[in-house]
Amino acid sequence: MEREDILDLLANISKLLEIKGENVFKVRAYENTIRELGAYKGDIIKDIEFGERR
């Protein structure tokens, strides 16, 4: 899974939650995460994998 795959997946989840009529704060949380990860300069995949080993 690549960086863009993660961002696309989160965007799809956000859209589905919005369509479902989920709490607006939950939808916004996904949107904020997408924005933050999009601006993140590190290697998302490597950092996630490292975090799982702790």
PDB file of N, CA and C in Angstrom:
ATOM      1  N   MET A   1       0.855  -1.168   0.000  1.00  0.00           N
ATOM      2  CA  MET A   1       0.000   0.000   0.000  1.00  0.00           C
ATOM      3  C   MET A   1       0.906   1.237   0.000  1.00  0.00           C
ATOM      4  N   GLU A   2       0.588   2.178  -0.843  1.00  0.00           N
ATOM      5  CA  GLU A   2       1.367   3.400  -0.986  1.00  0.00           C
ATOM      6  C   GLU A   2       0.650   4.568  -0.308  1.00  0.00           C
ATOM      7  N   ARG A   3       1.359   5.666  -0.195  1.00  0.00           N
ATOM      8  CA  ARG A   3       0.835   6.889   0.430  1.00  0.00           C
ATOM      9  C   ARG A   3      -0.509   7.311  -0.179  1.00  0.00           C
ATOM     10  N   GLU A   4      -0.573   7.353  -1.493  1.00  0.00           N
ATOM     11  CA  GLU A   4      -1.808   7.778  -2.170  1.00  0.00           C
ATOM     12  C   GLU A   4      -2.950   6.799  -1.918  1.00  0.00           C
ATOM     13  N   ASP A   5      -2.632   5.517  -1.794  1.00  0.00           N
ATOM     14  CA  ASP A   5      -3.665   4.520  -1.495  1.00  0.00           C
ATOM     15  C   ASP A   5      -4.305   4.796  -0.133  1.00  0.00           C
ATOM     16  N   ILE A   6      -3.467   5.140   0.843  1.00  0.00           N
ATOM     17  CA  ILE A   6      -3.974   5.445   2.185  1.00  0.00           C
ATOM     18  C   ILE A   6      -4.860   6.683   2.148  1.00  0.00           C
ATOM     19  N   LEU A   7      -4.391   7.727   1.465  1.00  0.00           N
ATOM     20  CA  LEU A   7      -5.177   8.961   1.376  1.00  0.00           C
ATOM     21  C   LEU A   7      -6.495   8.727   0.652  1.00  0.00           C
ATOM     22  N   ASP A   8      -6.460   7.929  -0.423  1.00  0.00           N
ATOM     23  CA  ASP A   8      -7.690   7.608  -1.160  1.00  0.00           C
ATOM     24  C   ASP A   8      -8.667   6.811  -0.293  1.00  0.00           C
ATOM     25  N   LEU A   9      -8.134   5.851   0.452  1.00  0.00           N
ATOM     26  CA  LEU A   9      -8.982   5.042   1.327  1.00  0.00           C
ATOM     27  C   LEU A   9      -9.666   5.907   2.387  1.00  0.00           C
ATOM     28  N   LEU A  10      -8.889   6.781   3.013  1.00  0.00           N
ATOM     29  CA  LEU A  10      -9.471   7.674   4.016  1.00  0.00           C
ATOM     30  C   LEU A  10     -10.506   8.612   3.402  1.00  0.00           C
ATOM     31  N   ALA A  11     -10.246   9.092   2.185  1.00  0.00           N
ATOM     32  CA  ALA A  11     -11.201   9.974   1.511  1.00  0.00           C
ATOM     33  C   ALA A  11     -12.500   9.228   1.210  1.00  0.00           C
ATOM     34  N   ASN A  12     -12.384   7.975   0.788  1.00  0.00           N
ATOM     35  CA  ASN A  12     -13.581   7.181   0.510  1.00  0.00           C
ATOM     36  C   ASN A  12     -14.382   6.923   1.779  1.00  0.00           C
ATOM     37  N   ILE A  13     -13.701   6.626   2.864  1.00  0.00           N
ATOM     38  CA  ILE A  13     -14.390   6.413   4.133  1.00  0.00           C
ATOM     39  C   ILE A  13     -15.123   7.688   4.544  1.00  0.00           C
ATOM     40  N   SER A  14     -14.447   8.823   4.409  1.00  0.00           N
ATOM     41  CA  SER A  14     -15.056  10.101   4.755  1.00  0.00           C
ATOM     42  C   SER A  14     -16.315  10.362   3.937  1.00  0.00           C
ATOM     43  N   LYS A  15     -16.234  10.114   2.643  1.00  0.00           N
ATOM     44  CA  LYS A  15     -17.395  10.329   1.768  1.00  0.00           C
ATOM     45  C   LYS A  15     -18.547   9.399   2.126  1.00  0.00           C
ATOM     46  N   LEU A  16     -18.216   8.140   2.400  1.00  0.00           N
ATOM     47  CA  LEU A  16     -19.266   7.186   2.765  1.00  0.00           C
ATOM     48  C   LEU A  16     -19.932   7.559   4.087  1.00  0.00           C
ATOM     49  N   LEU A  17     -19.146   8.003   5.051  1.00  0.00           N
ATOM     50  CA  LEU A  17     -19.720   8.438   6.318  1.00  0.00           C
ATOM     51  C   LEU A  17     -20.640   9.635   6.122  1.00  0.00           C
ATOM     52  N   GLU A  18     -20.222  10.541   5.251  1.00  0.00           N
ATOM     53  CA  GLU A  18     -21.050  11.723   4.971  1.00  0.00           C
ATOM     54  C   GLU A  18     -22.355  11.319   4.298  1.00  0.00           C
ATOM     55  N   ILE A  19     -22.282  10.420   3.336  1.00  0.00           N
ATOM     56  CA  ILE A  19     -23.481   9.936   2.647  1.00  0.00           C
ATOM     57  C   ILE A  19     -24.414   9.241   3.634  1.00  0.00           C
ATOM     58  N   LYS A  20     -23.815   8.480   4.554  1.00  0.00           N
ATOM     59  CA  LYS A  20     -24.590   7.748   5.554  1.00  0.00           C
ATOM     60  C   LYS A  20     -25.271   8.682   6.547  1.00  0.00           C
ATOM     61  N   GLY A  21     -24.805   9.926   6.613  1.00  0.00           N
ATOM     62  CA  GLY A  21     -25.373  10.870   7.554  1.00  0.00           C
ATOM     63  C   GLY A  21     -24.731  10.788   8.927  1.00  0.00           C
ATOM     64  N   GLU A  22     -23.512  10.306   8.947  1.00  0.00           N
ATOM     65  CA  GLU A  22     -22.777  10.155  10.205  1.00  0.00           C
ATOM     66  C   GLU A  22     -22.501  11.525  10.823  1.00  0.00           C
ATOM     67  N   ASN A  23     -22.146  11.518  12.070  1.00  0.00           N
ATOM     68  CA  ASN A  23     -21.823  12.729  12.813  1.00  0.00           C
ATOM     69  C   ASN A  23     -20.805  13.568  12.039  1.00  0.00           C
ATOM     70  N   VAL A  24     -21.080  14.854  11.894  1.00  0.00           N
ATOM     71  CA  VAL A  24     -20.230  15.741  11.108  1.00  0.00           C
ATOM     72  C   VAL A  24     -18.809  15.823  11.679  1.00  0.00           C
ATOM     73  N   PHE A  25     -18.671  15.660  12.977  1.00  0.00           N
ATOM     74  CA  PHE A  25     -17.346  15.722  13.597  1.00  0.00           C
ATOM     75  C   PHE A  25     -16.502  14.503  13.222  1.00  0.00           C
ATOM     76  N   LYS A  26     -17.132  13.361  13.054  1.00  0.00           N
ATOM     77  CA  LYS A  26     -16.415  12.160  12.629  1.00  0.00           C
ATOM     78  C   LYS A  26     -15.920  12.335  11.194  1.00  0.00           C
ATOM     79  N   VAL A  27     -16.789  12.862  10.337  1.00  0.00           N
ATOM     80  CA  VAL A  27     -16.401  13.123   8.943  1.00  0.00           C
ATOM     81  C   VAL A  27     -15.253  14.120   8.905  1.00  0.00           C
ATOM     82  N   ARG A  28     -15.366  15.175   9.689  1.00  0.00           N
ATOM     83  CA  ARG A  28     -14.324  16.201   9.730  1.00  0.00           C
ATOM     84  C   ARG A  28     -12.999  15.629  10.235  1.00  0.00           C
ATOM     85  N   ALA A  29     -13.060  14.690  11.170  1.00  0.00           N
ATOM     86  CA  ALA A  29     -11.839  14.058  11.681  1.00  0.00           C
ATOM     87  C   ALA A  29     -11.097  13.335  10.556  1.00  0.00           C
ATOM     88  N   TYR A  30     -11.829  12.642   9.705  1.00  0.00           N
ATOM     89  CA  TYR A  30     -11.197  11.985   8.555  1.00  0.00           C
ATOM     90  C   TYR A  30     -10.606  13.014   7.601  1.00  0.00           C
ATOM     91  N   GLU A  31     -11.341  14.076   7.339  1.00  0.00           N
ATOM     92  CA  GLU A  31     -10.853  15.121   6.441  1.00  0.00           C
ATOM     93  C   GLU A  31      -9.589  15.784   6.999  1.00  0.00           C
ATOM     94  N   ASN A  32      -9.565  16.018   8.306  1.00  0.00           N
ATOM     95  CA  ASN A  32      -8.373  16.598   8.931  1.00  0.00           C
ATOM     96  C   ASN A  32      -7.181  15.648   8.839  1.00  0.00           C
ATOM     97  N   THR A  33      -7.441  14.372   9.032  1.00  0.00           N
ATOM     98  CA  THR A  33      -6.374  13.375   8.923  1.00  0.00           C
ATOM     99  C   THR A  33      -5.815  13.325   7.511  1.00  0.00           C
ATOM    100  N   ILE A  34      -6.678  13.380   6.525  1.00  0.00           N
ATOM    101  CA  ILE A  34      -6.239  13.385   5.126  1.00  0.00           C
ATOM    102  C   ILE A  34      -5.351  14.594   4.866  1.00  0.00           C
ATOM    103  N   ARG A  35      -5.772  15.736   5.339  1.00  0.00           N
ATOM    104  CA  ARG A  35      -5.001  16.966   5.140  1.00  0.00           C
ATOM    105  C   ARG A  35      -3.633  16.871   5.830  1.00  0.00           C
ATOM    106  N   GLU A  36      -3.612  16.386   7.061  1.00  0.00           N
ATOM    107  CA  GLU A  36      -2.360  16.275   7.812  1.00  0.00           C
ATOM    108  C   GLU A  36      -1.413  15.253   7.180  1.00  0.00           C
ATOM    109  N   LEU A  37      -1.944  14.103   6.793  1.00  0.00           N
ATOM    110  CA  LEU A  37      -1.085  13.092   6.161  1.00  0.00           C
ATOM    111  C   LEU A  37      -0.611  13.543   4.781  1.00  0.00           C
ATOM    112  N   GLY A  38      -1.435  14.307   4.098  1.00  0.00           N
ATOM    113  CA  GLY A  38      -1.026  14.843   2.801  1.00  0.00           C
ATOM    114  C   GLY A  38       0.132  15.815   2.929  1.00  0.00           C
ATOM    115  N   ALA A  39       0.181  16.529   4.030  1.00  0.00           N
ATOM    116  CA  ALA A  39       1.254  17.507   4.261  1.00  0.00           C
ATOM    117  C   ALA A  39       2.468  16.885   4.950  1.00  0.00           C
ATOM    118  N   TYR A  40       2.312  15.670   5.459  1.00  0.00           N
ATOM    119  CA  TYR A  40       3.388  15.000   6.197  1.00  0.00           C
ATOM    120  C   TYR A  40       4.556  14.703   5.254  1.00  0.00           C
ATOM    121  N   LYS A  41       5.737  15.115   5.630  1.00  0.00           N
ATOM    122  CA  LYS A  41       6.913  14.966   4.770  1.00  0.00           C
ATOM    123  C   LYS A  41       7.628  13.631   4.947  1.00  0.00           C
ATOM    124  N   GLY A  42       7.310  12.918   6.014  1.00  0.00           N
ATOM    125  CA  GLY A  42       7.963  11.638   6.270  1.00  0.00           C
ATOM    126  C   GLY A  42       7.378  10.528   5.418  1.00  0.00           C
ATOM    127  N   ASP A  43       7.885   9.337   5.629  1.00  0.00           N
ATOM    128  CA  ASP A  43       7.405   8.142   4.933  1.00  0.00           C
ATOM    129  C   ASP A  43       6.302   7.505   5.783  1.00  0.00           C
ATOM    130  N   ILE A  44       5.068   7.706   5.391  1.00  0.00           N
ATOM    131  CA  ILE A  44       3.916   7.235   6.163  1.00  0.00           C
ATOM    132  C   ILE A  44       3.995   5.728   6.389  1.00  0.00           C
ATOM    133  N   ILE A  45       4.267   4.996   5.324  1.00  0.00           N
ATOM    134  CA  ILE A  45       4.284   3.536   5.397  1.00  0.00           C
ATOM    135  C   ILE A  45       5.352   3.061   6.379  1.00  0.00           C
ATOM    136  N   LYS A  46       6.545   3.587   6.248  1.00  0.00           N
ATOM    137  CA  LYS A  46       7.649   3.188   7.129  1.00  0.00           C
ATOM    138  C   LYS A  46       7.329   3.531   8.584  1.00  0.00           C
ATOM    139  N   ASP A  47       6.779   4.707   8.811  1.00  0.00           N
ATOM    140  CA  ASP A  47       6.461   5.131  10.168  1.00  0.00           C
ATOM    141  C   ASP A  47       5.349   4.280  10.781  1.00  0.00           C
ATOM    142  N   ILE A  48       4.372   3.889   9.995  1.00  0.00           N
ATOM    143  CA  ILE A  48       3.305   3.017  10.490  1.00  0.00           C
ATOM    144  C   ILE A  48       3.868   1.654  10.830  1.00  0.00           C
ATOM    145  N   GLU A  49       4.706   1.099   9.951  1.00  0.00           N
ATOM    146  CA  GLU A  49       5.296  -0.209  10.192  1.00  0.00           C
ATOM    147  C   GLU A  49       6.176  -0.168  11.444  1.00  0.00           C
ATOM    148  N   PHE A  50       6.932   0.898  11.634  1.00  0.00           N
ATOM    149  CA  PHE A  50       7.777   1.016  12.814  1.00  0.00           C
ATOM    150  C   PHE A  50       6.934   1.054  14.082  1.00  0.00           C
ATOM    151  N   GLY A  51       5.829   1.771  14.024  1.00  0.00           N
ATOM    152  CA  GLY A  51       4.944   1.884  15.177  1.00  0.00           C
ATOM    153  C   GLY A  51       4.334   0.551  15.575  1.00  0.00           C
ATOM    154  N   GLU A  52       4.095  -0.341  14.603  1.00  0.00           N
ATOM    155  CA  GLU A  52       3.515  -1.647  14.894  1.00  0.00           C
ATOM    156  C   GLU A  52       4.501  -2.547  15.625  1.00  0.00           C
ATOM    157  N   ARG A  53       5.783  -2.314  15.474  1.00  0.00           N
ATOM    158  CA  ARG A  53       6.806  -3.172  16.084  1.00  0.00           C
ATOM    159  C   ARG A  53       7.080  -2.825  17.534  1.00  0.00           C
ATOM    160  N   ARG A  54       6.607  -1.691  17.985  1.00  0.00           N
ATOM    161  CA  ARG A  54       6.883  -1.253  19.369  1.00  0.00           C
ATOM    162  C   ARG A  54       6.226  -2.127  20.377  1.00  0.00           C
TER     163      ARG A  54
END
